[in-house]
């Protein structure tokens, strides 16, 4: 095998590894974006729930107002 053929083989091997790493990075990036979207949705739902809980008067507050 000539020196040029060996260099081509090494370059080919490196390209395979680079493509594999690129695929992995893209998959990880997609997973992270999905995770961030899911966390944002959960945070919105929790915030909305908490807002509804603070807006609704408690039973004690309702009784105090009716006693007045």
Protein backbone atom coordinates (compact mmCIF):
# COMPACT_ATOMS: atom_id res chain seq x y z
CA UNK A 1 0.00 0.00 0.00
CA UNK A 2 1.48 3.32 -1.03
CA UNK A 3 1.88 6.28 1.29
CA UNK A 4 -0.89 8.18 -0.55
CA UNK A 5 -3.31 5.27 -0.18
CA UNK A 6 -2.52 5.04 3.52
CA UNK A 7 -3.17 8.78 3.92
CA UNK A 8 -6.48 8.40 2.10
CA UNK A 9 -7.41 5.51 4.38
CA UNK A 10 -6.61 7.57 7.49
CA UNK A 11 -8.58 10.53 6.11
CA UNK A 12 -11.51 8.21 5.36
CA UNK A 13 -11.41 6.80 8.90
CA UNK A 14 -11.36 10.30 10.37
CA UNK A 15 -14.32 11.33 8.22
CA UNK A 16 -16.33 8.36 9.49
CA UNK A 17 -15.60 9.37 13.09
CA UNK A 18 -16.43 13.02 12.38
CA UNK A 19 -19.78 12.08 10.83
CA UNK A 20 -20.56 9.84 13.77
CA UNK A 21 -19.73 12.61 16.24
CA UNK A 22 -21.76 15.15 14.24
CA UNK A 23 -24.77 12.83 14.34
CA UNK A 24 -24.38 12.35 18.09
CA UNK A 25 -24.09 16.10 18.70
CA UNK A 26 -27.21 16.78 16.61
CA UNK A 27 -29.17 14.13 18.52
CA UNK A 28 -28.01 15.52 21.86
CA UNK A 29 -28.91 19.04 20.75
CA UNK A 30 -32.38 17.88 19.72
CA UNK A 31 -32.85 16.08 23.03
CA UNK A 32 -31.77 19.18 24.98
CA UNK A 33 -34.18 21.40 23.03
CA UNK A 34 -37.01 18.94 23.69
CA UNK A 35 -36.12 18.81 27.38
CA UNK A 36 -36.08 22.62 27.60
CA UNK A 37 -39.50 22.81 25.91
CA UNK A 38 -40.91 20.21 28.30
CA UNK A 39 -39.49 22.02 31.34
CA UNK A 40 -40.88 25.34 30.11
CA UNK A 41 -44.33 23.79 29.64
CA UNK A 42 -44.26 22.26 33.11
CA UNK A 43 -43.12 25.58 34.59
CA UNK A 44 -46.00 27.39 32.87
CA UNK A 45 -48.49 24.84 34.18
CA UNK A 46 -47.13 25.08 37.73
CA UNK A 47 -47.15 28.89 37.60
CA UNK A 48 -50.74 28.88 36.35
CA UNK A 49 -51.79 26.44 39.05
CA UNK A 50 -50.08 28.50 41.74
CA UNK A 51 -51.68 31.68 40.42
CA UNK A 52 -55.12 30.07 40.55
CA UNK A 53 -54.47 28.90 44.10
CA UNK A 54 -53.51 32.39 45.26
CA UNK A 55 -56.46 34.02 43.49
CA UNK A 56 -59.06 31.72 45.00
CA UNK A 57 -59.96 32.78 48.55
CA UNK A 58 -59.38 30.18 51.19
CA UNK A 59 -62.32 28.82 53.20
CA UNK A 60 -61.19 30.81 56.25
CA UNK A 61 -61.09 34.05 54.25
CA UNK A 62 -64.53 33.34 52.85
CA UNK A 63 -65.92 32.73 56.36
CA UNK A 64 -64.31 35.91 57.70
CA UNK A 65 -65.91 37.99 54.94
CA UNK A 66 -69.31 36.43 55.53
CA UNK A 67 -69.07 37.16 59.27
CA UNK A 68 -68.53 40.89 58.59
